[in-house]
Amino acid sequence: MAERRKFKKRYCKYCEAKIDFIDYKDLKSLKHSLSERYKIMPRRLTGNCKRHQDMASQAIKRAREVAFIPYIVDRKNVVETPFDYIK
């Protein structure tokens, strides 16, 4: 039989910090749920619980609408760390 892979258990960062609400203006906490191309990362990679993942994705969508976070990243002008542009 094939051996099962043993992965490190991921914990929700928001539960550990006892955060009840994720604000769309708090870009430092939203940065952990975004990839380098500003895509929303799934729960299996971030380790967030369902409740906080839903709140984080809703906050990211609101931050995109207010133009705090870009919708897309320009492929022609590749930047090493795109999070430097987030204030």
Protein backbone atom coordinates (compact mmCIF):
# COMPACT_ATOMS: atom_id res chain seq x y z
CA MET A 1 0.00 0.00 0.00
CA ALA A 2 1.03 3.54 -0.60
CA GLU A 3 2.16 5.52 2.39
CA ARG A 4 0.13 8.53 3.36
CA ARG A 5 1.92 11.83 3.24
CA LYS A 6 2.17 13.58 6.54
CA PHE A 7 1.74 17.30 6.21
CA LYS A 8 2.17 19.88 8.91
CA LYS A 9 -1.13 20.85 10.47
CA ARG A 10 -2.04 24.39 9.51
CA TYR A 11 -3.80 26.62 11.98
CA CYS A 12 -6.02 29.60 11.40
CA LYS A 13 -4.03 32.77 12.09
CA TYR A 14 -7.19 34.73 12.77
CA CYS A 15 -8.45 32.23 15.38
CA GLU A 16 -5.11 32.27 17.18
CA ALA A 17 -5.17 36.08 17.27
CA LYS A 18 -8.85 35.97 18.35
CA ILE A 19 -10.01 38.28 15.56
CA ASP A 20 -13.77 38.56 15.25
CA PHE A 21 -13.95 40.77 12.16
CA ILE A 22 -11.55 41.25 9.25
CA ASP A 23 -11.61 44.80 7.96
CA TYR A 24 -11.00 45.54 4.30
CA LYS A 25 -8.79 48.51 5.25
CA ASP A 26 -6.35 46.32 7.19
CA LEU A 27 -4.11 45.34 4.30
CA LYS A 28 -1.38 43.78 6.44
CA SER A 29 -3.68 40.99 7.59
CA LEU A 30 -5.19 40.55 4.11
CA LYS A 31 -1.72 40.12 2.62
CA HIS A 32 -1.46 36.61 4.10
CA SER A 33 -4.52 35.45 2.14
CA LEU A 34 -3.25 36.71 -1.23
CA SER A 35 -0.80 35.15 -3.66
CA GLU A 36 1.96 37.11 -5.41
CA ARG A 37 -0.45 37.79 -8.27
CA TYR A 38 -3.10 39.07 -5.86
CA LYS A 39 -5.28 35.99 -6.16
CA ILE A 40 -7.20 34.74 -3.15
CA MET A 41 -5.44 31.67 -1.80
CA PRO A 42 -7.55 28.63 -0.87
CA ARG A 43 -8.11 27.37 2.67
CA ARG A 44 -5.91 24.33 2.22
CA LEU A 45 -2.89 26.58 1.62
CA THR A 46 -3.58 29.34 4.14
CA GLY A 47 -4.91 27.12 6.90
CA ASN A 48 -7.82 29.45 7.65
CA CYS A 49 -11.04 28.11 9.09
CA LYS A 50 -14.17 28.45 6.97
CA ARG A 51 -15.53 31.40 8.90
CA HIS A 52 -12.36 33.46 8.63
CA GLN A 53 -11.72 32.43 5.02
CA ASP A 54 -15.17 33.74 4.06
CA MET A 55 -14.55 36.99 5.92
CA ALA A 56 -11.09 37.37 4.36
CA SER A 57 -12.34 36.77 0.83
CA GLN A 58 -15.19 39.24 1.35
CA ALA A 59 -12.75 41.84 2.71
CA ILE A 60 -10.40 41.29 -0.25
CA LYS A 61 -13.26 41.76 -2.69
CA ARG A 62 -14.27 44.99 -0.93
CA ALA A 63 -10.66 46.22 -0.93
CA ARG A 64 -10.45 45.56 -4.66
CA GLU A 65 -13.64 47.51 -5.26
CA VAL A 66 -12.29 50.51 -3.33
CA ALA A 67 -8.96 50.13 -5.22
CA PHE A 68 -6.76 49.31 -2.23
CA ILE A 69 -5.75 46.04 -3.93
CA PRO A 70 -5.49 45.64 -7.72
CA TYR A 71 -7.69 43.15 -9.55
CA ILE A 72 -4.88 41.98 -11.85
CA VAL A 73 -1.11 42.24 -12.05
CA ASP A 74 0.59 43.36 -15.25
CA ARG A 75 2.55 40.44 -16.67
CA LYS A 76 4.84 42.61 -18.77
CA ASN A 77 6.15 44.63 -15.83
CA VAL A 78 6.97 41.86 -13.38
CA VAL A 79 7.79 43.08 -9.89
CA GLU A 80 9.71 40.97 -7.36
CA THR A 81 7.57 41.91 -4.36
CA PRO A 82 4.19 43.34 -5.36
CA PHE A 83 3.21 43.81 -1.71
CA ASP A 84 5.61 46.77 -1.48
CA TYR A 85 3.05 48.78 -3.43
CA ILE A 86 0.34 48.07 -0.85
CA LYS A 87 0.54 50.85 1.70
